Amino acid sequence: MGSLLDYFIHSSAITIFVLLVLSLYFIATFWIFLDRFYILKSRISSEARSLKGLYSGQSKTVNSNSLLFTYLSRVVKPNKAILEAATSDAIRVSTKGLTWLSIFASTAPFIGLFGTVVGILETFSKLGSQSSASLNVVAPAISEALIATAAGILVAVFAYSFHLILKRKAYELSSLLTSQSEVILSQEA
């Protein structure tokens, strides 16, 4: 704990700012992932039950908790246009935040690298004012500067992984909605 405190005491304002931004990215990444994951998981479960009811012949239309139900209840006869609009709207609403995960995944390493470059510049500036510089002095300072890059890569790995997981869940939801639409349209023909 003492070395962490020493790190922050000896770091520049830019390095601390970089780590603060990456911390906010990290928190937002998990917040978006958990929020969207549970919403998508719930919607996928609901749509899977609705599709099962359609396939088994237990129902002629979607369940009342289906995302398509609101749209279908507004029309007399289901049509392709209304079902596509419903699917598109449901996917758009369900995948909010994926763009932010993509932004975090692509920018976090660069923010971390910026912090490292600033830390290395500060290290060389301090070393220039000393009469002698040995590896014992340079190595710890450089390794401290690399913490920002490591933090940026850590954030990027989580953001990118979560983005792919949520993208896959959105695909599952889209497939379920499309399948239900096709079943409903085939019953009308």
N, C-alpha and C. Protein backbone atom coordinates (compact mmCIF):
# COMPACT_ATOMS: atom_id res chain seq x y z
N MET A 1 0.83 -1.19 0.00
CA MET A 1 0.00 0.00 0.00
C MET A 1 0.87 1.25 0.00
N GLY A 2 1.99 1.16 0.70
CA GLY A 2 2.91 2.28 0.76
C GLY A 2 3.51 2.60 -0.59
N SER A 3 3.86 1.57 -1.37
CA SER A 3 4.46 1.81 -2.69
C SER A 3 3.44 2.42 -3.65
N LEU A 4 2.18 2.07 -3.51
CA LEU A 4 1.14 2.66 -4.35
C LEU A 4 0.98 4.14 -4.02
N LEU A 5 1.00 4.44 -2.74
CA LEU A 5 0.90 5.84 -2.31
C LEU A 5 2.12 6.62 -2.79
N ASP A 6 3.30 6.02 -2.68
CA ASP A 6 4.53 6.66 -3.18
C ASP A 6 4.43 6.92 -4.68
N TYR A 7 3.86 5.96 -5.40
CA TYR A 7 3.70 6.12 -6.84
C TYR A 7 2.88 7.36 -7.15
N PHE A 8 1.76 7.53 -6.46
CA PHE A 8 0.90 8.68 -6.72
C PHE A 8 1.54 9.99 -6.26
N ILE A 9 2.28 9.95 -5.18
CA ILE A 9 2.95 11.16 -4.69
C ILE A 9 4.01 11.63 -5.69
N HIS A 10 4.73 10.69 -6.28
CA HIS A 10 5.82 11.04 -7.19
C HIS A 10 5.35 11.20 -8.65
N SER A 11 4.12 10.88 -8.94
CA SER A 11 3.61 10.99 -10.31
C SER A 11 3.23 12.43 -10.62
N SER A 12 3.27 12.74 -11.90
CA SER A 12 2.86 14.08 -12.34
C SER A 12 1.33 14.16 -12.39
N ALA A 13 0.86 15.38 -12.54
CA ALA A 13 -0.59 15.60 -12.64
C ALA A 13 -1.13 14.90 -13.89
N ILE A 14 -0.37 14.88 -14.97
CA ILE A 14 -0.82 14.24 -16.21
C ILE A 14 -0.96 12.74 -16.02
N THR A 15 0.02 12.12 -15.36
CA THR A 15 -0.04 10.68 -15.12
C THR A 15 -1.24 10.33 -14.24
N ILE A 16 -1.46 11.10 -13.22
CA ILE A 16 -2.62 10.86 -12.34
C ILE A 16 -3.92 11.06 -13.11
N PHE A 17 -3.95 12.09 -13.97
CA PHE A 17 -5.14 12.33 -14.79
C PHE A 17 -5.40 11.15 -15.73
N VAL A 18 -4.35 10.65 -16.35
CA VAL A 18 -4.47 9.49 -17.26
C VAL A 18 -5.03 8.29 -16.50
N LEU A 19 -4.50 8.02 -15.33
CA LEU A 19 -4.98 6.88 -14.54
C LEU A 19 -6.41 7.10 -14.07
N LEU A 20 -6.77 8.34 -13.79
CA LEU A 20 -8.15 8.65 -13.40
C LEU A 20 -9.10 8.39 -14.57
N VAL A 21 -8.72 8.84 -15.77
CA VAL A 21 -9.55 8.61 -16.96
C VAL A 21 -9.70 7.12 -17.21
N LEU A 22 -8.60 6.38 -17.10
CA LEU A 22 -8.67 4.93 -17.32
C LEU A 22 -9.51 4.24 -16.25
N SER A 23 -9.47 4.76 -15.04
CA SER A 23 -10.33 4.21 -13.97
C SER A 23 -11.80 4.43 -14.30
N LEU A 24 -12.12 5.62 -14.79
CA LEU A 24 -13.50 5.90 -15.19
C LEU A 24 -13.92 5.01 -16.36
N TYR A 25 -13.04 4.81 -17.31
CA TYR A 25 -13.30 3.89 -18.41
C TYR A 25 -13.60 2.49 -17.87
N PHE A 26 -12.79 2.06 -16.94
CA PHE A 26 -12.93 0.71 -16.37
C PHE A 26 -14.29 0.56 -15.68
N ILE A 27 -14.66 1.53 -14.89
CA ILE A 27 -15.95 1.50 -14.18
C ILE A 27 -17.10 1.53 -15.19
N ALA A 28 -17.01 2.42 -16.17
CA ALA A 28 -18.07 2.52 -17.19
C ALA A 28 -18.17 1.23 -18.01
N THR A 29 -17.04 0.61 -18.30
CA THR A 29 -17.04 -0.64 -19.05
C THR A 29 -17.84 -1.71 -18.32
N PHE A 30 -17.57 -1.88 -17.04
CA PHE A 30 -18.30 -2.88 -16.27
C PHE A 30 -19.76 -2.50 -16.09
N TRP A 31 -20.02 -1.22 -15.90
CA TRP A 31 -21.40 -0.76 -15.74
C TRP A 31 -22.22 -1.07 -16.99
N ILE A 32 -21.70 -0.69 -18.14
CA ILE A 32 -22.40 -0.94 -19.41
C ILE A 32 -22.59 -2.44 -19.62
N PHE A 33 -21.52 -3.20 -19.39
CA PHE A 33 -21.62 -4.64 -19.62
C PHE A 33 -22.68 -5.28 -18.75
N LEU A 34 -22.63 -5.02 -17.45
CA LEU A 34 -23.59 -5.66 -16.55
C LEU A 34 -25.02 -5.24 -16.87
N ASP A 35 -25.22 -3.96 -17.13
CA ASP A 35 -26.56 -3.46 -17.46
C ASP A 35 -27.10 -4.13 -18.73
N ARG A 36 -26.34 -4.07 -19.79
CA ARG A 36 -26.78 -4.63 -21.07
C ARG A 36 -26.86 -6.16 -21.04
N PHE A 37 -25.93 -6.80 -20.34
CA PHE A 37 -25.92 -8.25 -20.30
C PHE A 37 -27.21 -8.79 -19.67
N TYR A 38 -27.61 -8.22 -18.54
CA TYR A 38 -28.81 -8.71 -17.87
C TYR A 38 -30.08 -8.35 -18.64
N ILE A 39 -30.08 -7.20 -19.29
CA ILE A 39 -31.23 -6.84 -20.13
C ILE A 39 -31.34 -7.80 -21.31
N LEU A 40 -30.22 -8.03 -22.00
CA LEU A 40 -30.25 -8.95 -23.14
C LEU A 40 -30.58 -10.37 -22.71
N LYS A 41 -30.02 -10.80 -21.60
CA LYS A 41 -30.30 -12.16 -21.11
C LYS A 41 -31.78 -12.33 -20.82
N SER A 42 -32.39 -11.36 -20.19
CA SER A 42 -33.82 -11.41 -19.88
C SER A 42 -34.66 -11.41 -21.16
N ARG A 43 -34.30 -10.55 -22.10
CA ARG A 43 -35.06 -10.47 -23.34
C ARG A 43 -34.91 -11.73 -24.18
N ILE A 44 -33.72 -12.30 -24.21
CA ILE A 44 -33.50 -13.54 -24.95
C ILE A 44 -34.35 -14.66 -24.35
N SER A 45 -34.37 -14.74 -23.04
CA SER A 45 -35.17 -15.77 -22.37
C SER A 45 -36.65 -15.61 -22.69
N SER A 46 -37.13 -14.38 -22.64
CA SER A 46 -38.54 -14.09 -22.93
C SER A 46 -38.88 -14.43 -24.38
N GLU A 47 -38.01 -14.04 -25.30
CA GLU A 47 -38.27 -14.30 -26.72
C GLU A 47 -38.16 -15.79 -27.04
N ALA A 48 -37.28 -16.50 -26.36
CA ALA A 48 -37.15 -17.95 -26.57
C ALA A 48 -38.42 -18.66 -26.14
N ARG A 49 -39.00 -18.25 -25.01
CA ARG A 49 -40.27 -18.84 -24.56
C ARG A 49 -41.39 -18.55 -25.54
N SER A 50 -41.41 -17.32 -26.04
CA SER A 50 -42.44 -16.93 -27.00
C SER A 50 -42.30 -17.73 -28.30
N LEU A 51 -41.09 -17.90 -28.77
CA LEU A 51 -40.85 -18.67 -29.99
C LEU A 51 -41.21 -20.14 -29.79
N LYS A 52 -40.91 -20.67 -28.63
CA LYS A 52 -41.25 -22.07 -28.33
C LYS A 52 -42.76 -22.26 -28.38
N GLY A 53 -43.50 -21.29 -27.85
CA GLY A 53 -44.96 -21.35 -27.89
C GLY A 53 -45.49 -21.32 -29.32
N LEU A 54 -44.86 -20.52 -30.16
CA LEU A 54 -45.27 -20.47 -31.56
C LEU A 54 -44.95 -21.77 -32.29
N TYR A 55 -43.75 -22.29 -32.07
CA TYR A 55 -43.34 -23.53 -32.73
C TYR A 55 -44.20 -24.72 -32.31
N SER A 56 -44.54 -24.76 -31.03
CA SER A 56 -45.29 -25.91 -30.53
C SER A 56 -46.78 -25.81 -30.85
N GLY A 57 -47.20 -24.67 -31.35
CA GLY A 57 -48.62 -24.50 -31.69
C GLY A 57 -49.48 -24.11 -30.51
N GLN A 58 -48.87 -23.82 -29.36
CA GLN A 58 -49.63 -23.41 -28.18
C GLN A 58 -50.21 -22.02 -28.36
N SER A 59 -49.63 -21.25 -29.27
CA SER A 59 -50.07 -19.88 -29.47
C SER A 59 -50.01 -19.52 -30.95
N LYS A 60 -50.90 -18.63 -31.36
CA LYS A 60 -50.91 -18.15 -32.74
C LYS A 60 -50.15 -16.82 -32.87
N THR A 61 -49.83 -16.23 -31.75
CA THR A 61 -49.09 -14.96 -31.74
C THR A 61 -48.06 -15.00 -30.63
N VAL A 62 -47.28 -13.94 -30.54
CA VAL A 62 -46.21 -13.88 -29.54
C VAL A 62 -46.80 -13.68 -28.14
N ASN A 63 -46.01 -14.03 -27.14
CA ASN A 63 -46.42 -13.80 -25.74
C ASN A 63 -46.56 -12.31 -25.48
N SER A 64 -47.32 -11.97 -24.47
CA SER A 64 -47.52 -10.56 -24.13
C SER A 64 -46.24 -9.90 -23.61
N ASN A 65 -45.27 -10.69 -23.18
CA ASN A 65 -44.01 -10.09 -22.70
C ASN A 65 -42.95 -10.04 -23.82
N SER A 66 -43.32 -10.41 -25.02
CA SER A 66 -42.40 -10.33 -26.16
C SER A 66 -42.25 -8.87 -26.60
N LEU A 67 -41.07 -8.56 -27.11
CA LEU A 67 -40.83 -7.22 -27.62
C LEU A 67 -41.67 -6.91 -28.86
N LEU A 68 -42.12 -7.95 -29.55
CA LEU A 68 -42.94 -7.78 -30.75
C LEU A 68 -44.41 -7.51 -30.42
N PHE A 69 -44.83 -7.86 -29.21
CA PHE A 69 -46.24 -7.80 -28.84
C PHE A 69 -46.83 -6.40 -28.99
N THR A 70 -46.11 -5.39 -28.52
CA THR A 70 -46.61 -4.02 -28.58
C THR A 70 -46.90 -3.61 -30.02
N TYR A 71 -46.01 -3.98 -30.90
CA TYR A 71 -46.19 -3.61 -32.31
C TYR A 71 -47.34 -4.39 -32.94
N LEU A 72 -47.41 -5.68 -32.63
CA LEU A 72 -48.46 -6.52 -33.22
C LEU A 72 -49.85 -6.15 -32.71
N SER A 73 -49.91 -5.66 -31.48
CA SER A 73 -51.21 -5.29 -30.91
C SER A 73 -51.78 -4.04 -31.56
N ARG A 74 -50.98 -3.30 -32.29
CA ARG A 74 -51.42 -2.06 -32.93
C ARG A 74 -51.93 -2.25 -34.35
N VAL A 75 -51.73 -3.42 -34.90
CA VAL A 75 -52.16 -3.66 -36.28
C VAL A 75 -53.21 -4.77 -36.32
N VAL A 76 -54.06 -4.70 -37.34
CA VAL A 76 -55.09 -5.72 -37.50
C VAL A 76 -54.47 -7.00 -38.04
N LYS A 77 -53.65 -6.85 -39.06
CA LYS A 77 -53.01 -8.01 -39.68
C LYS A 77 -51.49 -7.79 -39.66
N PRO A 78 -50.75 -8.73 -39.08
CA PRO A 78 -49.29 -8.59 -39.05
C PRO A 78 -48.70 -8.53 -40.46
N ASN A 79 -47.74 -7.66 -40.66
CA ASN A 79 -47.06 -7.59 -41.95
C ASN A 79 -45.55 -7.50 -41.74
N LYS A 80 -44.84 -7.73 -42.81
CA LYS A 80 -43.38 -7.79 -42.74
C LYS A 80 -42.79 -6.46 -42.26
N ALA A 81 -43.33 -5.36 -42.73
CA ALA A 81 -42.78 -4.04 -42.39
C ALA A 81 -42.86 -3.77 -40.89
N ILE A 82 -44.00 -4.05 -40.28
CA ILE A 82 -44.16 -3.79 -38.85
C ILE A 82 -43.26 -4.71 -38.02
N LEU A 83 -43.11 -5.95 -38.47
CA LEU A 83 -42.26 -6.89 -37.74
C LEU A 83 -40.79 -6.52 -37.87
N GLU A 84 -40.38 -6.05 -39.03
CA GLU A 84 -38.99 -5.60 -39.20
C GLU A 84 -38.72 -4.35 -38.38
N ALA A 85 -39.68 -3.44 -38.33
CA ALA A 85 -39.53 -2.23 -37.52
C ALA A 85 -39.42 -2.59 -36.04
N ALA A 86 -40.24 -3.53 -35.59
CA ALA A 86 -40.21 -3.96 -34.20
C ALA A 86 -38.87 -4.60 -33.85
N THR A 87 -38.39 -5.46 -34.74
CA THR A 87 -37.10 -6.12 -34.51
C THR A 87 -35.98 -5.10 -34.47
N SER A 88 -35.97 -4.21 -35.42
CA SER A 88 -34.94 -3.18 -35.49
C SER A 88 -34.94 -2.30 -34.24
N ASP A 89 -36.12 -1.89 -33.82
CA ASP A 89 -36.24 -1.05 -32.63
C ASP A 89 -35.78 -1.79 -31.38
N ALA A 90 -36.16 -3.05 -31.26
CA ALA A 90 -35.77 -3.84 -30.09
C ALA A 90 -34.26 -4.02 -30.03
N ILE A 91 -33.63 -4.27 -31.16
CA ILE A 91 -32.18 -4.44 -31.19
C ILE A 91 -31.49 -3.11 -30.88
N ARG A 92 -31.98 -2.02 -31.44
CA ARG A 92 -31.39 -0.71 -31.19
C ARG A 92 -31.42 -0.36 -29.70
N VAL A 93 -32.54 -0.58 -29.07
CA VAL A 93 -32.68 -0.27 -27.65
C VAL A 93 -31.83 -1.23 -26.80
N SER A 94 -31.80 -2.48 -27.18
CA SER A 94 -31.08 -3.49 -26.39
C SER A 94 -29.56 -3.35 -26.47
N THR A 95 -29.07 -2.74 -27.53
CA THR A 95 -27.62 -2.66 -27.71
C THR A 95 -27.04 -1.28 -27.40
N LYS A 96 -27.80 -0.46 -26.71
CA LYS A 96 -27.25 0.83 -26.28
C LYS A 96 -25.98 0.58 -25.48
N GLY A 97 -24.99 1.39 -25.69
CA GLY A 97 -23.76 1.26 -24.93
C GLY A 97 -22.66 0.49 -25.63
N LEU A 98 -23.00 -0.28 -26.65
CA LEU A 98 -21.96 -1.03 -27.35
C LEU A 98 -20.96 -0.12 -28.04
N THR A 99 -21.41 1.01 -28.52
CA THR A 99 -20.50 1.96 -29.14
C THR A 99 -19.49 2.47 -28.12
N TRP A 100 -19.96 2.72 -26.90
CA TRP A 100 -19.03 3.18 -25.85
C TRP A 100 -17.99 2.12 -25.53
N LEU A 101 -18.40 0.86 -25.49
CA LEU A 101 -17.42 -0.21 -25.24
C LEU A 101 -16.38 -0.24 -26.35
N SER A 102 -16.82 -0.04 -27.57
CA SER A 102 -15.89 -0.02 -28.69
C SER A 102 -14.93 1.17 -28.59
N ILE A 103 -15.45 2.31 -28.20
CA ILE A 103 -14.61 3.50 -28.02
C ILE A 103 -13.60 3.26 -26.91
N PHE A 104 -14.05 2.70 -25.79
CA PHE A 104 -13.13 2.43 -24.68
C PHE A 104 -12.04 1.45 -25.11
N ALA A 105 -12.44 0.41 -25.83
CA ALA A 105 -11.47 -0.61 -26.25
C ALA A 105 -10.42 -0.04 -27.20
N SER A 106 -10.83 0.88 -28.03
CA SER A 106 -9.87 1.42 -29.00
C SER A 106 -9.04 2.58 -28.47
N THR A 107 -9.55 3.34 -27.52
CA THR A 107 -8.80 4.51 -27.04
C THR A 107 -8.01 4.27 -25.76
N ALA A 108 -8.41 3.32 -24.95
CA ALA A 108 -7.72 3.09 -23.67
C ALA A 108 -6.22 2.82 -23.82
N PRO A 109 -5.80 1.97 -24.77
CA PRO A 109 -4.34 1.76 -24.90
C PRO A 109 -3.58 3.04 -25.25
N PHE A 110 -4.20 3.90 -26.06
CA PHE A 110 -3.53 5.14 -26.44
C PHE A 110 -3.45 6.12 -25.27
N ILE A 111 -4.50 6.15 -24.47
CA ILE A 111 -4.47 7.00 -23.28
C ILE A 111 -3.39 6.50 -22.33
N GLY A 112 -3.32 5.18 -22.15
CA GLY A 112 -2.28 4.60 -21.30
C GLY A 112 -0.89 4.87 -21.86
N LEU A 113 -0.74 4.76 -23.15
CA LEU A 113 0.56 5.04 -23.79
C LEU A 113 0.95 6.50 -23.60
N PHE A 114 -0.01 7.39 -23.71
CA PHE A 114 0.26 8.81 -23.46
C PHE A 114 0.80 9.01 -22.05
N GLY A 115 0.17 8.37 -21.08
CA GLY A 115 0.64 8.47 -19.69
C GLY A 115 2.05 7.93 -19.54
N THR A 116 2.36 6.85 -20.23
CA THR A 116 3.70 6.28 -20.17
C THR A 116 4.73 7.21 -20.79
N VAL A 117 4.40 7.78 -21.94
CA VAL A 117 5.33 8.70 -22.61
C VAL A 117 5.61 9.90 -21.70
N VAL A 118 4.58 10.45 -21.09
CA VAL A 118 4.78 11.57 -20.19
C VAL A 118 5.65 11.15 -19.00
N GLY A 119 5.40 9.97 -18.46
CA GLY A 119 6.21 9.47 -17.34
C GLY A 119 7.67 9.28 -17.73
N ILE A 120 7.91 8.78 -18.93
CA ILE A 120 9.29 8.58 -19.40
C ILE A 120 9.97 9.94 -19.63
N LEU A 121 9.23 10.87 -20.20
CA LEU A 121 9.79 12.22 -20.40
C LEU A 121 10.18 12.85 -19.07
N GLU A 122 9.33 12.71 -18.07
CA GLU A 122 9.64 13.24 -16.74
C GLU A 122 10.87 12.56 -16.16
N THR A 123 10.96 11.25 -16.36
CA THR A 123 12.11 10.50 -15.85
C THR A 123 13.41 11.00 -16.48
N PHE A 124 13.40 11.17 -17.80
CA PHE A 124 14.60 11.65 -18.47
C PHE A 124 14.92 13.09 -18.07
N SER A 125 13.90 13.87 -17.84
CA SER A 125 14.12 15.25 -17.39
C SER A 125 14.80 15.27 -16.03
N LYS A 126 14.34 14.43 -15.12
CA LYS A 126 14.95 14.34 -13.79
C LYS A 126 16.37 13.79 -13.88
N LEU A 127 16.57 12.80 -14.77
CA LEU A 127 17.90 12.20 -14.90
C LEU A 127 18.90 13.19 -15.49
N GLY A 128 18.42 14.08 -16.36
CA GLY A 128 19.29 15.07 -16.97
C GLY A 128 19.87 16.03 -15.96
N SER A 129 19.18 16.24 -14.87
CA SER A 129 19.66 17.17 -13.84
C SER A 129 20.59 16.49 -12.84
N GLN A 130 20.68 15.15 -12.91
CA GLN A 130 21.58 14.43 -12.00
C GLN A 130 22.95 14.27 -12.64
N SER A 131 23.95 14.12 -11.79
CA SER A 131 25.31 13.99 -12.31
C SER A 131 25.58 12.62 -12.92
N SER A 132 24.97 11.58 -12.38
CA SER A 132 25.14 10.25 -12.96
C SER A 132 23.82 9.49 -12.94
N ALA A 133 23.66 8.67 -13.95
CA ALA A 133 22.43 7.89 -14.05
C ALA A 133 22.81 6.44 -14.29
N SER A 134 22.41 5.59 -13.39
CA SER A 134 22.68 4.16 -13.56
C SER A 134 21.38 3.42 -13.80
N LEU A 135 21.50 2.16 -14.15
CA LEU A 135 20.32 1.33 -14.38
C LEU A 135 19.47 1.24 -13.11
N ASN A 136 20.08 1.28 -11.96
CA ASN A 136 19.34 1.22 -10.70
C ASN A 136 18.42 2.42 -10.52
N VAL A 137 18.76 3.52 -11.14
CA VAL A 137 17.93 4.73 -11.04
C VAL A 137 16.90 4.76 -12.17
N VAL A 138 17.32 4.39 -13.38
CA VAL A 138 16.46 4.49 -14.56
C VAL A 138 15.36 3.42 -14.57
N ALA A 139 15.72 2.19 -14.26
CA ALA A 139 14.77 1.07 -14.38
C ALA A 139 13.50 1.26 -13.54
N PRO A 140 13.61 1.61 -12.25
CA PRO A 140 12.36 1.79 -11.48
C PRO A 140 11.49 2.92 -12.02
N ALA A 141 12.12 3.99 -12.47
CA ALA A 141 11.35 5.12 -12.98
C ALA A 141 10.62 4.75 -14.27
N ILE A 142 11.29 4.00 -15.14
CA ILE A 142 10.66 3.57 -16.39
C ILE A 142 9.54 2.57 -16.10
N SER A 143 9.78 1.67 -15.16
CA SER A 143 8.75 0.68 -14.84
C SER A 143 7.52 1.35 -14.24
N GLU A 144 7.72 2.41 -13.47
CA GLU A 144 6.58 3.16 -12.93
C GLU A 144 5.80 3.84 -14.06
N ALA A 145 6.53 4.32 -15.06
CA ALA A 145 5.87 4.98 -16.20
C ALA A 145 5.03 3.99 -17.00
N LEU A 146 5.46 2.74 -17.04
CA LEU A 146 4.75 1.72 -17.83
C LEU A 146 3.44 1.28 -17.19
N ILE A 147 3.19 1.67 -15.97
CA ILE A 147 1.93 1.33 -15.31
C ILE A 147 0.73 1.87 -16.09
N ALA A 148 0.87 3.06 -16.65
CA ALA A 148 -0.24 3.65 -17.41
C ALA A 148 -0.56 2.82 -18.65
N THR A 149 0.46 2.33 -19.34
CA THR A 149 0.21 1.48 -20.51
C THR A 149 -0.48 0.19 -20.09
N ALA A 150 -0.01 -0.40 -19.01
CA ALA A 150 -0.63 -1.63 -18.52
C ALA A 150 -2.10 -1.39 -18.17
N ALA A 151 -2.38 -0.25 -17.53
CA ALA A 151 -3.77 0.06 -17.18
C ALA A 151 -4.62 0.24 -18.44
N GLY A 152 -4.07 0.90 -19.45
CA GLY A 152 -4.80 1.09 -20.71
C GLY A 152 -5.10 -0.23 -21.40
N ILE A 153 -4.13 -1.12 -21.41
CA ILE A 153 -4.34 -2.43 -22.04
C ILE A 153 -5.37 -3.23 -21.26
N LEU A 154 -5.32 -3.18 -19.93
CA LEU A 154 -6.29 -3.90 -19.11
C LEU A 154 -7.72 -3.43 -19.41
N VAL A 155 -7.92 -2.13 -19.46
CA VAL A 155 -9.25 -1.59 -19.77
C VAL A 155 -9.68 -2.04 -21.16
N ALA A 156 -8.77 -1.97 -22.12
CA ALA A 156 -9.11 -2.33 -23.51
C ALA A 156 -9.51 -3.80 -23.63
N VAL A 157 -8.81 -4.67 -22.92
CA VAL A 157 -9.12 -6.10 -22.98
C VAL A 157 -10.54 -6.36 -22.49
N PHE A 158 -10.90 -5.77 -21.36
CA PHE A 158 -12.25 -5.97 -20.83
C PHE A 158 -13.30 -5.34 -21.75
N ALA A 159 -13.04 -4.12 -22.20
CA ALA A 159 -14.03 -3.44 -23.05
C ALA A 159 -14.26 -4.20 -24.35
N TYR A 160 -13.19 -4.67 -24.96
CA TYR A 160 -13.33 -5.41 -26.22
C TYR A 160 -14.03 -6.75 -26.00
N SER A 161 -13.64 -7.45 -24.95
CA SER A 161 -14.28 -8.75 -24.65
C SER A 161 -15.76 -8.57 -24.37
N PHE A 162 -16.10 -7.59 -23.56
CA PHE A 162 -17.50 -7.34 -23.23
C PHE A 162 -18.29 -6.91 -24.47
N HIS A 163 -17.66 -6.13 -25.33
CA HIS A 163 -18.32 -5.72 -26.56
C HIS A 163 -18.69 -6.94 -27.40
N LEU A 164 -17.75 -7.88 -27.53
CA LEU A 164 -18.03 -9.08 -28.32
C LEU A 164 -19.10 -9.96 -27.68
N ILE A 165 -19.08 -10.08 -26.36
CA ILE A 165 -20.10 -10.88 -25.67
C ILE A 165 -21.48 -10.28 -25.90
N LEU A 166 -21.60 -8.96 -25.74
CA LEU A 166 -22.89 -8.31 -25.92
C LEU A 166 -23.34 -8.33 -27.38
N LYS A 167 -22.39 -8.23 -28.28
CA LYS A 167 -22.73 -8.31 -29.70
C LYS A 167 -23.31 -9.68 -30.04
N ARG A 168 -22.75 -10.71 -29.45
CA ARG A 168 -23.26 -12.07 -29.67
C ARG A 168 -24.67 -12.21 -29.07
N LYS A 169 -24.87 -11.66 -27.88
CA LYS A 169 -26.20 -11.71 -27.26
C LYS A 169 -27.22 -10.95 -28.11
N ALA A 170 -26.82 -9.83 -28.67
CA ALA A 170 -27.72 -9.06 -29.54
C ALA A 170 -28.07 -9.86 -30.79
N TYR A 171 -27.11 -10.61 -31.30
CA TYR A 171 -27.37 -11.47 -32.46
C TYR A 171 -28.39 -12.55 -32.10
N GLU A 172 -28.24 -13.15 -30.91
CA GLU A 172 -29.20 -14.16 -30.47
C GLU A 172 -30.60 -13.57 -30.38
N LEU A 173 -30.71 -12.38 -29.81
CA LEU A 173 -32.00 -11.72 -29.70
C LEU A 173 -32.57 -11.43 -31.08
N SER A 174 -31.75 -10.93 -31.97
CA SER A 174 -32.20 -10.64 -33.33
C SER A 174 -32.69 -11.91 -34.03
N SER A 175 -31.98 -13.00 -33.85
CA SER A 175 -32.38 -14.27 -34.47
C SER A 175 -33.72 -14.74 -33.93
N LEU A 176 -33.93 -14.62 -32.65
CA LEU A 176 -35.20 -15.04 -32.05
C LEU A 176 -36.36 -14.17 -32.56
N LEU A 177 -36.13 -12.87 -32.65
CA LEU A 177 -37.18 -11.97 -33.13
C LEU A 177 -37.49 -12.24 -34.60
N THR A 178 -36.47 -12.48 -35.39
CA THR A 178 -36.66 -12.78 -36.82
C THR A 178 -37.41 -14.10 -36.99
N SER A 179 -37.05 -15.09 -36.20
CA SER A 179 -37.74 -16.39 -36.29
C SER A 179 -39.21 -16.25 -35.93
N GLN A 180 -39.51 -15.49 -34.89
CA GLN A 180 -40.91 -15.29 -34.52
C GLN A 180 -41.66 -14.56 -35.63
N SER A 181 -41.01 -13.56 -36.22
CA SER A 181 -41.63 -12.81 -37.31
C SER A 181 -41.96 -13.74 -38.47
N GLU A 182 -41.04 -14.61 -38.82
CA GLU A 182 -41.26 -15.52 -39.93
C GLU A 182 -42.38 -16.50 -39.65
N VAL A 183 -42.47 -17.00 -38.43
CA VAL A 183 -43.55 -17.92 -38.05
C VAL A 183 -44.89 -17.21 -38.13
N ILE A 184 -44.94 -16.00 -37.61
CA ILE A 184 -46.20 -15.23 -37.62
C ILE A 184 -46.63 -14.95 -39.06
N LEU A 185 -45.69 -14.55 -39.91
CA LEU A 185 -46.01 -14.25 -41.30
C LEU A 185 -46.44 -15.52 -42.06
N SER A 186 -45.83 -16.65 -41.71
CA SER A 186 -46.20 -17.90 -42.38
C SER A 186 -47.61 -18.35 -41.98
N GLN A 187 -48.03 -18.02 -40.78
CA GLN A 187 -49.38 -18.38 -40.34
C GLN A 187 -50.43 -17.51 -41.04
N GLU A 188 -50.07 -16.29 -41.42
CA GLU A 188 -50.99 -15.38 -42.07
C GLU A 188 -51.16 -15.70 -43.56
N ALA A 189 -50.18 -16.39 -44.13
CA ALA A 189 -50.23 -16.65 -45.58
C ALA A 189 -51.23 -17.71 -45.94
